[in-house]
Amino acid sequence: MRLGLSAIEPSADRLGAELIGALRSHGQVATRGLGGERMAALGFERVHTLAPPAMGLWEVLGHLGAIRRQRAALLDHLDGLEALVCIDAPDFHMPVATRARAQGLRTVGWVSPQLWAWRPGRKHAVARAYSTLLCLFDFEPALYAGTRLDARFVGHPAIDRLVERRPEAGVVALFPGSRESELSRHLEPFLDATRGYGTVLVAEGSPALRARLRADPRVHVVPPEEAMARCERALSKSGTVTLELALNGVPSVVAHRVHPITYAVGRLLVRGIRFLALPNLLADRAVYREFVQHFSADTLRVALAEAKVPPVAELRARVGPPGVVRRVAAAIVTGSG
């Protein structure tokens, strides 16, 4: 099978690598497209280098040229493919998928756009872009009612990333993000909020992280899985990592900042949701304290000390059974759910 894959963000590169491994259980599969180092290490053929990861209106504007070149390269390498799988990043992928589908190629989207948060009318554009959409959450397929899109709930891969928890007293973990913009806005206040903790584990996300760390014998850069396993509690930026923390039962606080222009535009566009953190959205209540845009080290320190264990069983039930990537691979190769 000749398959196109596109994963332009670090989190999507992780999913893409896991998918390549699962696809190989179905036989010979050749893959090419856009991806990161994890995918390339498995023999994935990259057709273009990736732009620096960016999220948010203002942050993306600085990379528009590189983004256009990525998109053009992907479109130039569709010949001979049997399907194109686009992982997350809907604003980047939907124009590509729409053109690919118009050329007769089967297109699969993995991760639904957040219609429940903003621009629900996008469902028709999503239906034009993808033959099949594989959704992370059980409530998402119903959002595409009235379209002909084959939208399926496959579950969230975080359920397959559980760690063996062995929390150590006085150990706090920080998950400030991997993008340069995230580190610039989160790392310093996160570190300042850890006063009083004996050990601070900072989840490794990018080479830029170590260069930003000040000398402190308490601070250690470790893989995210180790930080999650050893910490007593955690402080995290928003994103998938908050769900991984919750599924592992880690008491946590969520804090997130973006460029002020991105924040202002987001407040105009996003309607009808009370929370940013995924565990809170799924539980429909504040299982984690969250701070959006406005926070100080002192407020984070107090919230961290008060953090409670999340409702693990309830949240695990909402994200589906283990084996998510295997189900995704089966849907791509055989068309089954």
C-alpha atoms as a PDB file:
ATOM      1  CA  MET A   1       0.000   0.000   0.000  1.00  0.00           C
ATOM      2  CA  ARG A   2       1.270   3.493  -0.867  1.00  0.00           C
ATOM      3  CA  LEU A   3       0.076   5.947   1.735  1.00  0.00           C
ATOM      4  CA  GLY A   4       0.508   9.678   2.157  1.00  0.00           C
ATOM      5  CA  LEU A   5       0.898  10.983   5.712  1.00  0.00           C
ATOM      6  CA  SER A   6       1.045  14.565   6.906  1.00  0.00           C
ATOM      7  CA  ALA A   7       1.971  15.521  10.473  1.00  0.00           C
ATOM      8  CA  ILE A   8       3.352  19.048  10.848  1.00  0.00           C
ATOM      9  CA  GLU A   9       3.362  19.421  14.655  1.00  0.00           C
ATOM     10  CA  PRO A  10       5.538  17.578  17.221  1.00  0.00           C
ATOM     11  CA  SER A  11       2.471  15.921  18.788  1.00  0.00           C
ATOM     12  CA  ALA A  12       1.286  14.824  15.333  1.00  0.00           C
ATOM     13  CA  ASP A  13       4.763  13.453  14.535  1.00  0.00           C
ATOM     14  CA  ARG A  14       4.413  11.229  17.600  1.00  0.00           C
ATOM     15  CA  LEU A  15       1.021  10.005  16.384  1.00  0.00           C
ATOM     16  CA  GLY A  16       2.396   9.503  12.876  1.00  0.00           C
ATOM     17  CA  ALA A  17       5.259   7.355  14.145  1.00  0.00           C
ATOM     18  CA  GLU A  18       2.873   5.230  16.195  1.00  0.00           C
ATOM     19  CA  LEU A  19       0.626   4.878  13.153  1.00  0.00           C
ATOM     20  CA  ILE A  20       3.478   3.764  10.889  1.00  0.00           C
ATOM     21  CA  GLY A  21       4.295   1.010  13.381  1.00  0.00           C
ATOM     22  CA  ALA A  22       0.653  -0.120  13.514  1.00  0.00           C
ATOM     23  CA  LEU A  23       0.289  -0.047   9.725  1.00  0.00           C
ATOM     24  CA  ARG A  24       3.166  -2.476   9.321  1.00  0.00           C
ATOM     25  CA  SER A  25       1.143  -5.160  11.065  1.00  0.00           C
ATOM     26  CA  HIS A  26      -1.130  -5.049   7.994  1.00  0.00           C
ATOM     27  CA  GLY A  27       1.697  -5.828   5.565  1.00  0.00           C
ATOM     28  CA  GLN A  28       3.914  -3.804   3.267  1.00  0.00           C
ATOM     29  CA  VAL A  29       3.107  -0.092   3.540  1.00  0.00           C
ATOM     30  CA  ALA A  30       5.168   2.680   1.922  1.00  0.00           C
ATOM     31  CA  THR A  31       4.646   6.138   3.408  1.00  0.00           C
ATOM     32  CA  ARG A  32       5.649   9.619   2.290  1.00  0.00           C
ATOM     33  CA  GLY A  33       4.633  13.196   2.952  1.00  0.00           C
ATOM     34  CA  LEU A  34       5.273  15.645   5.784  1.00  0.00           C
ATOM     35  CA  GLY A  35       6.545  14.522   9.154  1.00  0.00           C
ATOM     36  CA  GLY A  36       9.119  14.962  11.878  1.00  0.00           C
ATOM     37  CA  GLU A  37      12.102  13.092  13.242  1.00  0.00           C
ATOM     38  CA  ARG A  38      10.147  10.259  14.864  1.00  0.00           C
ATOM     39  CA  MET A  39       8.467   9.374  11.578  1.00  0.00           C
ATOM     40  CA  ALA A  40      11.706   9.730   9.605  1.00  0.00           C
ATOM     41  CA  ALA A  41      13.441   7.305  11.974  1.00  0.00           C
ATOM     42  CA  LEU A  42      10.956   4.636  10.832  1.00  0.00           C
ATOM     43  CA  GLY A  43      11.766   5.059   7.139  1.00  0.00           C
ATOM     44  CA  PHE A  44       9.116   7.663   6.340  1.00  0.00           C
ATOM     45  CA  GLU A  45       9.946   9.598   3.144  1.00  0.00           C
ATOM     46  CA  ARG A  46       9.773  13.323   3.856  1.00  0.00           C
ATOM     47  CA  VAL A  47       8.981  15.519   0.851  1.00  0.00           C
ATOM     48  CA  HIS A  48       9.804  18.833   2.557  1.00  0.00           C
ATOM     49  CA  THR A  49      11.314  20.188   5.750  1.00  0.00           C
ATOM     50  CA  LEU A  50       8.866  21.378   8.392  1.00  0.00           C
ATOM     51  CA  ALA A  51       8.366  24.982   9.420  1.00  0.00           C
ATOM     52  CA  PRO A  52       9.009  25.752  13.111  1.00  0.00           C
ATOM     53  CA  PRO A  53       5.939  24.666  15.084  1.00  0.00           C
ATOM     54  CA  ALA A  54       3.538  27.533  15.798  1.00  0.00           C
ATOM     55  CA  MET A  55       0.025  27.828  17.168  1.00  0.00           C
ATOM     56  CA  GLY A  56      -2.233  30.865  17.188  1.00  0.00           C
ATOM     57  CA  LEU A  57      -3.033  33.607  14.705  1.00  0.00           C
ATOM     58  CA  TRP A  58      -0.106  35.917  15.403  1.00  0.00           C
ATOM     59  CA  GLU A  59       2.402  33.089  15.853  1.00  0.00           C
ATOM     60  CA  VAL A  60       1.524  31.510  12.498  1.00  0.00           C
ATOM     61  CA  LEU A  61       1.804  34.759  10.519  1.00  0.00           C
ATOM     62  CA  GLY A  62       5.589  34.713  10.765  1.00  0.00           C
ATOM     63  CA  HIS A  63       5.757  31.316   9.069  1.00  0.00           C
ATOM     64  CA  LEU A  64       3.258  31.770   6.210  1.00  0.00           C
ATOM     65  CA  GLY A  65       5.861  31.422   3.479  1.00  0.00           C
ATOM     66  CA  ALA A  66       7.233  28.177   4.871  1.00  0.00           C
ATOM     67  CA  ILE A  67       3.708  26.863   5.416  1.00  0.00           C
ATOM     68  CA  ARG A  68       2.785  27.545   1.776  1.00  0.00           C
ATOM     69  CA  ARG A  69       5.916  25.719   0.592  1.00  0.00           C
ATOM     70  CA  GLN A  70       5.066  22.723   2.780  1.00  0.00           C
ATOM     71  CA  ARG A  71       1.541  22.587   1.398  1.00  0.00           C
ATOM     72  CA  ALA A  72       2.770  22.846  -2.207  1.00  0.00           C
ATOM     73  CA  ALA A  73       5.288  20.046  -1.670  1.00  0.00           C
ATOM     74  CA  LEU A  74       2.605  17.770  -0.266  1.00  0.00           C
ATOM     75  CA  LEU A  75       0.319  18.438  -3.244  1.00  0.00           C
ATOM     76  CA  ASP A  76       3.209  17.775  -5.633  1.00  0.00           C
ATOM     77  CA  HIS A  77       3.701  14.264  -4.228  1.00  0.00           C
ATOM     78  CA  LEU A  78       0.180  12.846  -4.383  1.00  0.00           C
ATOM     79  CA  ASP A  79       0.708  10.793  -7.550  1.00  0.00           C
ATOM     80  CA  GLY A  80       0.669   7.054  -6.960  1.00  0.00           C
ATOM     81  CA  LEU A  81      -0.853   7.256  -3.486  1.00  0.00           C
ATOM     82  CA  GLU A  82      -3.871   5.172  -2.492  1.00  0.00           C
ATOM     83  CA  ALA A  83      -4.889   7.456   0.375  1.00  0.00           C
ATOM     84  CA  LEU A  84      -3.810  10.615   2.177  1.00  0.00           C
ATOM     85  CA  VAL A  85      -3.947  10.725   5.989  1.00  0.00           C
ATOM     86  CA  CYS A  86      -3.848  14.160   7.605  1.00  0.00           C
ATOM     87  CA  ILE A  87      -3.131  14.290  11.329  1.00  0.00           C
ATOM     88  CA  ASP A  88      -4.653  17.259  13.188  1.00  0.00           C
ATOM     89  CA  ALA A  89      -3.781  20.853  12.042  1.00  0.00           C
ATOM     90  CA  PRO A  90      -7.089  21.323  10.174  1.00  0.00           C
ATOM     91  CA  ASP A  91      -6.364  24.832   8.905  1.00  0.00           C
ATOM     92  CA  PHE A  92      -3.260  23.526   7.158  1.00  0.00           C
ATOM     93  CA  HIS A  93      -4.642  20.201   5.994  1.00  0.00           C
ATOM     94  CA  MET A  94      -8.193  20.874   4.851  1.00  0.00           C
ATOM     95  CA  PRO A  95      -7.241  22.815   1.678  1.00  0.00           C
ATOM     96  CA  VAL A  96      -4.787  20.040   0.748  1.00  0.00           C
ATOM     97  CA  ALA A  97      -7.283  17.275   1.484  1.00  0.00           C
ATOM     98  CA  THR A  98     -10.022  19.051  -0.499  1.00  0.00           C
ATOM     99  CA  ARG A  99      -7.806  19.252  -3.587  1.00  0.00           C
ATOM    100  CA  ALA A 100      -6.593  15.678  -3.140  1.00  0.00           C
ATOM    101  CA  ARG A 101     -10.147  14.387  -2.858  1.00  0.00           C
ATOM    102  CA  ALA A 102     -11.172  16.345  -5.957  1.00  0.00           C
ATOM    103  CA  GLN A 103      -8.455  14.385  -7.765  1.00  0.00           C
ATOM    104  CA  GLY A 104     -10.094  11.123  -6.689  1.00  0.00           C
ATOM    105  CA  LEU A 105      -7.834  10.317  -3.737  1.00  0.00           C
ATOM    106  CA  ARG A 106      -9.300   8.866  -0.564  1.00  0.00           C
ATOM    107  CA  THR A 107      -8.612  11.265   2.305  1.00  0.00           C
ATOM    108  CA  VAL A 108      -8.627  10.470   6.003  1.00  0.00           C
ATOM    109  CA  GLY A 109      -8.526  13.057   8.767  1.00  0.00           C
ATOM    110  CA  TRP A 110      -7.325  11.962  12.184  1.00  0.00           C
ATOM    111  CA  VAL A 111      -8.429  14.409  14.921  1.00  0.00           C
ATOM    112  CA  SER A 112     -11.579  16.437  14.395  1.00  0.00           C
ATOM    113  CA  PRO A 113     -11.443  20.224  14.350  1.00  0.00           C
ATOM    114  CA  GLN A 114     -12.865  21.625  17.574  1.00  0.00           C
ATOM    115  CA  LEU A 115     -16.328  22.404  16.220  1.00  0.00           C
ATOM    116  CA  TRP A 116     -17.664  22.358  19.771  1.00  0.00           C
ATOM    117  CA  ALA A 117     -15.491  25.382  20.604  1.00  0.00           C
ATOM    118  CA  TRP A 118     -15.685  27.602  17.553  1.00  0.00           C
ATOM    119  CA  ARG A 119     -16.929  27.838  13.954  1.00  0.00           C
ATOM    120  CA  PRO A 120     -19.361  24.880  14.002  1.00  0.00           C
ATOM    121  CA  GLY A 121     -20.308  25.751  10.417  1.00  0.00           C
ATOM    122  CA  ARG A 122     -16.945  24.305   9.353  1.00  0.00           C
ATOM    123  CA  LYS A 123     -18.513  20.850   9.401  1.00  0.00           C
ATOM    124  CA  HIS A 124     -19.467  21.170   5.732  1.00  0.00           C
ATOM    125  CA  ALA A 125     -15.921  22.143   4.733  1.00  0.00           C
ATOM    126  CA  VAL A 126     -14.593  19.195   6.757  1.00  0.00           C
ATOM    127  CA  ALA A 127     -17.027  16.893   4.945  1.00  0.00           C
ATOM    128  CA  ARG A 128     -15.753  18.155   1.590  1.00  0.00           C
ATOM    129  CA  ALA A 129     -12.141  17.628   2.623  1.00  0.00           C
ATOM    130  CA  TYR A 130     -12.260  14.123   4.058  1.00  0.00           C
ATOM    131  CA  SER A 131     -13.744  10.810   3.028  1.00  0.00           C
ATOM    132  CA  THR A 132     -13.383   9.612   6.618  1.00  0.00           C
ATOM    133  CA  LEU A 133     -12.779  11.491   9.869  1.00  0.00           C
ATOM    134  CA  LEU A 134     -11.417   9.633  12.889  1.00  0.00           C
ATOM    135  CA  CYS A 135     -12.486  11.396  16.089  1.00  0.00           C
ATOM    136  CA  LEU A 136     -10.820  11.423  19.502  1.00  0.00           C
ATOM    137  CA  PHE A 137     -13.955  11.997  21.578  1.00  0.00           C
ATOM    138  CA  ASP A 138     -17.259  10.140  21.696  1.00  0.00           C
ATOM    139  CA  PHE A 139     -19.421  13.251  21.212  1.00  0.00           C
ATOM    140  CA  GLU A 140     -17.686  14.427  18.027  1.00  0.00           C
ATOM    141  CA  PRO A 141     -19.250  12.231  15.287  1.00  0.00           C
ATOM    142  CA  ALA A 142     -22.696  13.645  16.098  1.00  0.00           C
ATOM    143  CA  LEU A 143     -21.397  17.131  15.310  1.00  0.00           C
ATOM    144  CA  TYR A 144     -21.308  16.155  11.625  1.00  0.00           C
ATOM    145  CA  ALA A 145     -24.998  15.285  11.399  1.00  0.00           C
ATOM    146  CA  GLY A 146     -26.454  16.550   8.146  1.00  0.00           C
ATOM    147  CA  THR A 147     -23.298  15.858   6.145  1.00  0.00           C
ATOM    148  CA  ARG A 148     -22.219  12.726   4.299  1.00  0.00           C
ATOM    149  CA  LEU A 149     -18.955  12.527   6.184  1.00  0.00           C
ATOM    150  CA  ASP A 150     -18.021   9.123   7.597  1.00  0.00           C
ATOM    151  CA  ALA A 151     -17.101  10.364  11.084  1.00  0.00           C
ATOM    152  CA  ARG A 152     -16.072   7.676  13.590  1.00  0.00           C
ATOM    153  CA  PHE A 153     -15.047   7.668  17.229  1.00  0.00           C
ATOM    154  CA  VAL A 154     -11.746   5.793  17.617  1.00  0.00           C
ATOM    155  CA  GLY A 155     -10.677   7.062  21.038  1.00  0.00           C
ATOM    156  CA  HIS A 156      -7.836   9.194  22.341  1.00  0.00           C
ATOM    157  CA  PRO A 157      -4.241   7.868  22.095  1.00  0.00           C
ATOM    158  CA  ALA A 158      -3.514   9.176  25.591  1.00  0.00           C
ATOM    159  CA  ILE A 159      -5.233   6.060  26.970  1.00  0.00           C
ATOM    160  CA  ASP A 160      -2.338   4.041  25.543  1.00  0.00           C
ATOM    161  CA  ARG A 161       0.303   6.244  27.197  1.00  0.00           C
ATOM    162  CA  LEU A 162      -0.295   5.450  30.837  1.00  0.00           C
ATOM    163  CA  VAL A 163       2.797   5.364  33.024  1.00  0.00           C
ATOM    164  CA  GLU A 164       3.582   3.427  36.172  1.00  0.00           C
ATOM    165  CA  ARG A 165       3.090   6.103  38.813  1.00  0.00           C
ATOM    166  CA  ARG A 166       5.680   6.193  41.603  1.00  0.00           C
ATOM    167  CA  PRO A 167       5.284   9.706  43.050  1.00  0.00           C
ATOM    168  CA  GLU A 168       8.122  11.037  45.191  1.00  0.00           C
ATOM    169  CA  ALA A 169       7.583  13.490  48.021  1.00  0.00           C
ATOM    170  CA  GLY A 170       8.603  17.046  47.202  1.00  0.00           C
ATOM    171  CA  VAL A 171       8.859  16.416  43.437  1.00  0.00           C
ATOM    172  CA  VAL A 172       6.973  18.704  41.062  1.00  0.00           C
ATOM    173  CA  ALA A 173       6.854  18.351  37.265  1.00  0.00           C
ATOM    174  CA  LEU A 174       6.627  21.178  34.736  1.00  0.00           C
ATOM    175  CA  PHE A 175       5.234  20.857  31.221  1.00  0.00           C
ATOM    176  CA  PRO A 176       5.822  24.326  29.702  1.00  0.00           C
ATOM    177  CA  GLY A 177       5.515  23.233  26.057  1.00  0.00           C
ATOM    178  CA  SER A 178       7.905  22.668  23.178  1.00  0.00           C
ATOM    179  CA  ARG A 179       7.377  25.687  20.916  1.00  0.00           C
ATOM    180  CA  GLU A 180       9.643  28.690  21.405  1.00  0.00           C
ATOM    181  CA  SER A 181       6.612  30.922  21.998  1.00  0.00           C
ATOM    182  CA  GLU A 182       5.313  28.554  24.700  1.00  0.00           C
ATOM    183  CA  LEU A 183       8.643  28.427  26.503  1.00  0.00           C
ATOM    184  CA  SER A 184       8.997  32.207  26.423  1.00  0.00           C
ATOM    185  CA  ARG A 185       5.617  32.670  28.108  1.00  0.00           C
ATOM    186  CA  HIS A 186       5.471  29.707  30.492  1.00  0.00           C
ATOM    187  CA  LEU A 187       8.906  28.592  31.639  1.00  0.00           C
ATOM    188  CA  GLU A 188       9.887  31.467  33.956  1.00  0.00           C
ATOM    189  CA  PRO A 189       6.591  31.769  35.870  1.00  0.00           C
ATOM    190  CA  PHE A 190       6.365  27.975  36.085  1.00  0.00           C
ATOM    191  CA  LEU A 191       9.858  27.758  37.588  1.00  0.00           C
ATOM    192  CA  ASP A 192       9.136  30.632  39.978  1.00  0.00           C
ATOM    193  CA  ALA A 193       6.009  28.798  41.159  1.00  0.00           C
ATOM    194  CA  THR A 194       8.077  25.805  42.344  1.00  0.00           C
ATOM    195  CA  ARG A 195       9.701  27.552  45.324  1.00  0.00           C
ATOM    196  CA  GLY A 196       9.604  25.162  48.243  1.00  0.00           C
ATOM    197  CA  TYR A 197       9.832  21.952  46.225  1.00  0.00           C
ATOM    198  CA  GLY A 198      12.983  19.861  46.589  1.00  0.00           C
ATOM    199  CA  THR A 199      13.076  18.551  43.024  1.00  0.00           C
ATOM    200  CA  VAL A 200      11.738  20.091  39.817  1.00  0.00           C
ATOM    201  CA  LEU A 201      11.418  17.829  36.765  1.00  0.00           C
ATOM    202  CA  VAL A 202      11.012  19.774  33.511  1.00  0.00           C
ATOM    203  CA  ALA A 203       9.598  17.699  30.662  1.00  0.00           C
ATOM    204  CA  GLU A 204      11.977  17.737  27.722  1.00  0.00           C
ATOM    205  CA  GLY A 205      10.284  19.067  24.594  1.00  0.00           C
ATOM    206  CA  SER A 206      12.810  20.892  22.400  1.00  0.00           C
ATOM    207  CA  PRO A 207      16.510  21.820  22.248  1.00  0.00           C
ATOM    208  CA  ALA A 208      15.571  25.400  23.156  1.00  0.00           C
ATOM    209  CA  LEU A 209      14.509  24.315  26.639  1.00  0.00           C
ATOM    210  CA  ARG A 210      17.946  23.694  28.146  1.00  0.00           C
ATOM    211  CA  ALA A 211      19.283  26.998  26.854  1.00  0.00           C
ATOM    212  CA  ARG A 212      16.534  28.830  28.742  1.00  0.00           C
ATOM    213  CA  LEU A 213      17.058  27.125  32.089  1.00  0.00           C
ATOM    214  CA  ARG A 214      18.924  29.039  34.772  1.00  0.00           C
ATOM    215  CA  ALA A 215      21.373  27.200  37.010  1.00  0.00           C
ATOM    216  CA  ASP A 216      19.436  25.480  39.794  1.00  0.00           C
ATOM    217  CA  PRO A 217      20.485  22.186  41.414  1.00  0.00           C
ATOM    218  CA  ARG A 218      16.812  21.315  41.984  1.00  0.00           C
ATOM    219  CA  VAL A 219      15.964  21.420  38.271  1.00  0.00           C
ATOM    220  CA  HIS A 220      16.379  18.389  36.004  1.00  0.00           C
ATOM    221  CA  VAL A 221      15.315  17.945  32.385  1.00  0.00           C
ATOM    222  CA  VAL A 222      13.810  14.488  31.896  1.00  0.00           C
ATOM    223  CA  PRO A 223      11.566  12.707  29.368  1.00  0.00           C
ATOM    224  CA  PRO A 224       7.864  13.583  29.808  1.00  0.00           C
ATOM    225  CA  GLU A 225       7.020  10.023  30.824  1.00  0.00           C
ATOM    226  CA  GLU A 226       9.547  10.102  33.675  1.00  0.00           C
ATOM    227  CA  ALA A 227       8.297  13.473  34.876  1.00  0.00           C
ATOM    228  CA  MET A 228       4.730  12.175  34.897  1.00  0.00           C
ATOM    229  CA  ALA A 229       5.682   8.997  36.758  1.00  0.00           C
ATOM    230  CA  ARG A 230       7.793  10.556  39.500  1.00  0.00           C
ATOM    231  CA  CYS A 231       6.050  13.816  40.301  1.00  0.00           C
ATOM    232  CA  GLU A 232       3.847  14.432  43.305  1.00  0.00           C
ATOM    233  CA  ARG A 233       1.980  17.121  41.349  1.00  0.00           C
ATOM    234  CA  ALA A 234       2.393  19.011  38.080  1.00  0.00           C
ATOM    235  CA  LEU A 235       2.063  22.412  36.413  1.00  0.00           C
ATOM    236  CA  SER A 236       1.272  22.305  32.708  1.00  0.00           C
ATOM    237  CA  LYS A 237       0.431  24.439  29.721  1.00  0.00           C
ATOM    238  CA  SER A 238      -2.826  23.546  27.960  1.00  0.00           C
ATOM    239  CA  GLY A 239      -2.951  20.729  25.412  1.00  0.00           C
ATOM    240  CA  THR A 240      -2.984  16.947  25.177  1.00  0.00           C
ATOM    241  CA  VAL A 241      -0.510  16.671  28.042  1.00  0.00           C
ATOM    242  CA  THR A 242      -3.233  17.800  30.481  1.00  0.00           C
ATOM    243  CA  LEU A 243      -5.339  14.803  29.486  1.00  0.00           C
ATOM    244  CA  GLU A 244      -2.340  12.472  29.882  1.00  0.00           C
ATOM    245  CA  LEU A 245      -1.756  13.870  33.361  1.00  0.00           C
ATOM    246  CA  ALA A 246      -5.398  13.371  34.302  1.00  0.00           C
ATOM    247  CA  LEU A 247      -5.585   9.822  32.953  1.00  0.00           C
ATOM    248  CA  ASN A 248      -2.519   9.038  35.062  1.00  0.00           C
ATOM    249  CA  GLY A 249      -4.081  10.567  38.162  1.00  0.00           C
ATOM    250  CA  VAL A 250      -1.586  13.413  38.624  1.00  0.00           C
ATOM    251  CA  PRO A 251      -2.823  16.393  40.704  1.00  0.00           C
ATOM    252  CA  SER A 252      -2.183  19.328  38.381  1.00  0.00           C
ATOM    253  CA  VAL A 253      -2.705  22.986  37.537  1.00  0.00           C
ATOM    254  CA  VAL A 254      -3.102  24.256  33.968  1.00  0.00           C
ATOM    255  CA  ALA A 255      -1.849  27.695  32.884  1.00  0.00           C
ATOM    256  CA  HIS A 256      -1.602  28.997  29.345  1.00  0.00           C
ATOM    257  CA  ARG A 257      -0.606  32.210  27.573  1.00  0.00           C
ATOM    258  CA  VAL A 258      -0.599  33.181  23.902  1.00  0.00           C
ATOM    259  CA  HIS A 259       0.217  36.393  22.052  1.00  0.00           C
ATOM    260  CA  PRO A 260      -2.200  39.163  23.103  1.00  0.00           C
ATOM    261  CA  ILE A 261      -3.565  39.478  19.553  1.00  0.00           C
ATOM    262  CA  THR A 262      -4.206  35.745  19.358  1.00  0.00           C
ATOM    263  CA  TYR A 263      -5.960  35.907  22.729  1.00  0.00           C
ATOM    264  CA  ALA A 264      -8.131  38.856  21.709  1.00  0.00           C
ATOM    265  CA  VAL A 265      -9.220  37.195  18.465  1.00  0.00           C
ATOM    266  CA  GLY A 266      -9.844  33.903  20.273  1.00  0.00           C
ATOM    267  CA  ARG A 267     -12.161  35.577  22.760  1.00  0.00           C
ATOM    268  CA  LEU A 268     -14.236  36.895  19.868  1.00  0.00           C
ATOM    269  CA  LEU A 269     -14.427  33.541  18.062  1.00  0.00           C
ATOM    270  CA  VAL A 270     -14.739  30.969  20.847  1.00  0.00           C
ATOM    271  CA  ARG A 271     -18.244  30.692  22.267  1.00  0.00           C
ATOM    272  CA  GLY A 272     -20.148  28.381  24.572  1.00  0.00           C
ATOM    273  CA  ILE A 273     -17.295  26.634  26.375  1.00  0.00           C
ATOM    274  CA  ARG A 274     -16.384  27.100  30.037  1.00  0.00           C
ATOM    275  CA  PHE A 275     -12.957  25.483  30.071  1.00  0.00           C
ATOM    276  CA  LEU A 276      -9.714  25.236  28.119  1.00  0.00           C
ATOM    277  CA  ALA A 277      -8.155  22.125  29.681  1.00  0.00           C
ATOM    278  CA  LEU A 278      -9.282  18.852  28.106  1.00  0.00           C
ATOM    279  CA  PRO A 279      -9.960  17.040  31.421  1.00  0.00           C
ATOM    280  CA  ASN A 280     -12.271  19.875  32.466  1.00  0.00           C
ATOM    281  CA  LEU A 281     -14.050  19.847  29.110  1.00  0.00           C
ATOM    282  CA  LEU A 282     -14.649  16.098  29.296  1.00  0.00           C
ATOM    283  CA  ALA A 283     -15.815  16.163  32.913  1.00  0.00           C
ATOM    284  CA  ASP A 284     -17.748  19.422  32.394  1.00  0.00           C
ATOM    285  CA  ARG A 285     -16.351  20.743  35.652  1.00  0.00           C
ATOM    286  CA  ALA A 286     -13.063  22.078  36.986  1.00  0.00           C
ATOM    287  CA  VAL A 287     -11.146  18.938  37.920  1.00  0.00           C
ATOM    288  CA  TYR A 288      -7.990  21.037  37.359  1.00  0.00           C
ATOM    289  CA  ARG A 289      -7.621  24.720  38.237  1.00  0.00           C
ATOM    290  CA  GLU A 290      -6.885  26.555  35.011  1.00  0.00           C
ATOM    291  CA  PHE A 291      -5.489  30.012  34.334  1.00  0.00           C
ATOM    292  CA  VAL A 292      -5.817  31.486  30.848  1.00  0.00           C
ATOM    293  CA  GLN A 293      -3.553  34.400  29.897  1.00  0.00           C
ATOM    294  CA  HIS A 294      -3.512  36.034  33.333  1.00  0.00           C
ATOM    295  CA  PHE A 295      -1.490  34.431  36.125  1.00  0.00           C
ATOM    296  CA  SER A 296       1.517  35.022  38.366  1.00  0.00           C
ATOM    297  CA  ALA A 297       4.016  32.689  39.973  1.00  0.00           C
ATOM    298  CA  ASP A 298       2.358  33.272  43.348  1.00  0.00           C
ATOM    299  CA  THR A 299      -1.141  32.331  42.150  1.00  0.00           C
ATOM    300  CA  LEU A 300       0.243  29.222  40.471  1.00  0.00           C
ATOM    301  CA  ARG A 301       2.157  28.241  43.618  1.00  0.00           C
ATOM    302  CA  VAL A 302      -0.972  28.425  45.768  1.00  0.00           C
ATOM    303  CA  ALA A 303      -3.080  26.510  43.226  1.00  0.00           C
ATOM    304  CA  LEU A 304      -0.394  23.848  42.903  1.00  0.00           C
ATOM    305  CA  ALA A 305      -0.379  23.244  46.648  1.00  0.00           C
ATOM    306  CA  GLU A 306      -4.160  22.791  46.573  1.00  0.00           C
ATOM    307  CA  ALA A 307      -4.306  20.514  43.483  1.00  0.00           C
ATOM    308  CA  LYS A 308      -6.394  17.356  43.919  1.00  0.00           C
ATOM    309  CA  VAL A 309      -6.310  13.929  42.274  1.00  0.00           C
ATOM    310  CA  PRO A 310      -8.573  13.998  39.178  1.00  0.00           C
ATOM    311  CA  PRO A 311     -11.457  11.510  38.602  1.00  0.00           C
ATOM    312  CA  VAL A 312      -9.360   8.959  36.743  1.00  0.00           C
ATOM    313  CA  ALA A 313     -11.992   6.246  36.139  1.00  0.00           C
ATOM    314  CA  GLU A 314     -14.527   8.757  34.824  1.00  0.00           C
ATOM    315  CA  LEU A 315     -12.065  10.319  32.386  1.00  0.00           C
ATOM    316  CA  ARG A 316     -10.678   6.989  31.158  1.00  0.00           C
ATOM    317  CA  ALA A 317     -14.217   5.891  30.336  1.00  0.00           C
ATOM    318  CA  ARG A 318     -14.693   8.971  28.151  1.00  0.00           C
ATOM    319  CA  VAL A 319     -11.646   8.409  25.927  1.00  0.00           C
ATOM    320  CA  GLY A 320     -12.363   4.830  24.832  1.00  0.00           C
ATOM    321  CA  PRO A 321     -10.578   1.533  25.359  1.00  0.00           C
ATOM    322  CA  PRO A 322      -6.848   0.977  24.696  1.00  0.00           C
ATOM    323  CA  GLY A 323      -5.626   0.133  21.211  1.00  0.00           C
ATOM    324  CA  VAL A 324      -6.489   3.458  19.579  1.00  0.00           C
ATOM    325  CA  VAL A 325      -3.695   3.524  16.991  1.00  0.00           C
ATOM    326  CA  ARG A 326      -4.436  -0.068  15.991  1.00  0.00           C
ATOM    327  CA  ARG A 327      -8.045   0.940  15.319  1.00  0.00           C
ATOM    328  CA  VAL A 328      -6.881   3.924  13.277  1.00  0.00           C
ATOM    329  CA  ALA A 329      -4.580   1.712  11.182  1.00  0.00           C
ATOM    330  CA  ALA A 330      -7.427  -0.750  10.561  1.00  0.00           C
ATOM    331  CA  ALA A 331      -9.747   2.062   9.457  1.00  0.00           C
ATOM    332  CA  ILE A 332      -7.140   3.309   6.996  1.00  0.00           C
ATOM    333  CA  VAL A 333      -6.141  -0.036   5.526  1.00  0.00           C
ATOM    334  CA  THR A 334      -9.398  -1.960   5.526  1.00  0.00           C
ATOM    335  CA  GLY A 335     -12.043   0.712   5.924  1.00  0.00           C
ATOM    336  CA  SER A 336     -13.301  -0.924   9.149  1.00  0.00           C
ATOM    337  CA  GLY A 337     -13.986   0.976  12.389  1.00  0.00           C
END
